[in-house]
Amino acid sequence: MVGEAIAEHSRTGNRVPLAQPIVDELPLSPEWARKLYGHLGQDERVLEGLRAAHEARTGAYDLLSLKYSDNYSSLRDDPRYQELVRQMGPG
């Protein structure tokens, strides 16, 4: 899979296919996984992780980071993301 990602990167210059299999294999904390998936544009994975953290009430998220970090910029206009942020803390 990594070999295919490298070939895709060589053809297109797109870094996401290059990084995705590496990220999937790393032993990351849920917080770091969400940040990396955010950078890769994997919005569904980010939302799943945020929902799980919120439902478990683990506190494994930083509300300021959710609102202002570039890690989540692709999600800011998504109504599901906005609702999660609203549920997680004060507006």
Protein backbone atom coordinates (compact mmCIF):
# COMPACT_ATOMS: atom_id res chain seq x y z
CA MET A 1 0.00 0.00 0.00
CA VAL A 2 2.81 2.43 0.79
CA GLY A 3 4.41 1.60 -2.56
CA GLU A 4 1.18 2.50 -4.35
CA ALA A 5 1.00 5.76 -2.41
CA ILE A 6 4.56 6.65 -3.42
CA ALA A 7 3.75 5.91 -7.07
CA GLU A 8 0.63 8.11 -6.84
CA HIS A 9 2.67 10.91 -5.28
CA SER A 10 5.27 10.61 -8.06
CA ARG A 11 2.58 10.88 -10.74
CA THR A 12 0.48 13.67 -9.23
CA GLY A 13 2.47 15.40 -6.49
CA ASN A 14 -0.50 14.82 -4.17
CA ARG A 15 0.80 14.23 -0.64
CA VAL A 16 -2.39 12.78 0.82
CA PRO A 17 -2.01 9.32 -0.76
CA LEU A 18 1.62 9.32 0.34
CA ALA A 19 0.85 10.16 3.95
CA GLN A 20 -2.42 8.27 4.45
CA PRO A 21 -1.04 4.72 4.76
CA ILE A 22 1.73 5.95 7.03
CA VAL A 23 -0.73 7.72 9.34
CA ASP A 24 -2.97 4.64 9.39
CA GLU A 25 -0.06 2.52 10.64
CA LEU A 26 1.21 4.88 13.35
CA PRO A 27 0.36 4.20 17.00
CA LEU A 28 -1.19 7.63 17.56
CA SER A 29 -3.25 8.98 20.40
CA PRO A 30 -6.81 9.86 19.33
CA GLU A 31 -5.97 13.57 19.55
CA TRP A 32 -2.98 13.32 17.22
CA ALA A 33 -4.86 11.06 14.84
CA ARG A 34 -7.63 13.68 14.54
CA LYS A 35 -5.11 16.44 13.89
CA LEU A 36 -3.30 14.46 11.21
CA TYR A 37 -6.54 13.34 9.57
CA GLY A 38 -7.60 16.98 9.59
CA HIS A 39 -4.45 17.94 7.71
CA LEU A 40 -5.10 15.14 5.24
CA GLY A 41 -8.65 16.33 4.63
CA GLN A 42 -10.15 13.16 6.10
CA ASP A 43 -13.13 15.02 7.50
CA GLU A 44 -15.27 11.95 8.22
CA ARG A 45 -12.51 10.40 10.32
CA VAL A 46 -12.05 13.65 12.23
CA LEU A 47 -15.78 13.89 12.93
CA GLU A 48 -15.92 10.26 14.07
CA GLY A 49 -13.04 10.86 16.49
CA LEU A 50 -14.57 14.05 17.85
CA ARG A 51 -17.95 12.39 18.35
CA ALA A 52 -16.32 9.49 20.18
CA ALA A 53 -14.34 11.83 22.45
CA HIS A 54 -17.43 13.87 23.22
CA GLU A 55 -19.67 10.85 23.88
CA ALA A 56 -17.04 9.30 26.13
CA ARG A 57 -16.61 12.67 27.87
CA THR A 58 -12.89 12.07 27.85
CA GLY A 59 -12.04 15.73 27.53
CA ALA A 60 -9.62 14.63 24.80
CA TYR A 61 -10.14 17.75 22.76
CA ASP A 62 -9.28 21.40 23.12
CA LEU A 63 -12.21 23.69 22.36
CA LEU A 64 -9.95 26.59 21.31
CA SER A 65 -8.09 24.29 18.96
CA LEU A 66 -11.37 23.09 17.48
CA LYS A 67 -12.49 26.63 16.83
CA TYR A 68 -9.24 28.18 15.57
CA SER A 69 -6.64 25.59 14.56
CA ASP A 70 -5.89 24.99 10.89
CA ASN A 71 -6.21 21.26 11.66
CA TYR A 72 -9.98 21.62 11.48
CA SER A 73 -10.35 24.44 8.92
CA SER A 74 -11.88 22.16 6.27
CA LEU A 75 -14.67 21.28 8.72
CA ARG A 76 -15.64 24.71 9.99
CA ASP A 77 -18.49 25.16 7.48
CA ASP A 78 -19.85 21.65 8.08
CA PRO A 79 -23.07 21.81 10.15
CA ARG A 80 -22.16 18.52 11.89
CA TYR A 81 -18.87 20.02 13.07
CA GLN A 82 -20.54 23.23 14.19
CA GLU A 83 -23.08 21.25 16.20
CA LEU A 84 -20.34 19.19 17.87
CA VAL A 85 -18.40 22.31 18.82
CA ARG A 86 -21.59 23.85 20.20
CA GLN A 87 -22.28 20.73 22.29
CA MET A 88 -18.72 20.57 23.58
CA GLY A 89 -18.63 23.88 25.31
CA PRO A 90 -19.63 27.49 25.63
CA GLY A 91 -20.03 29.53 22.45
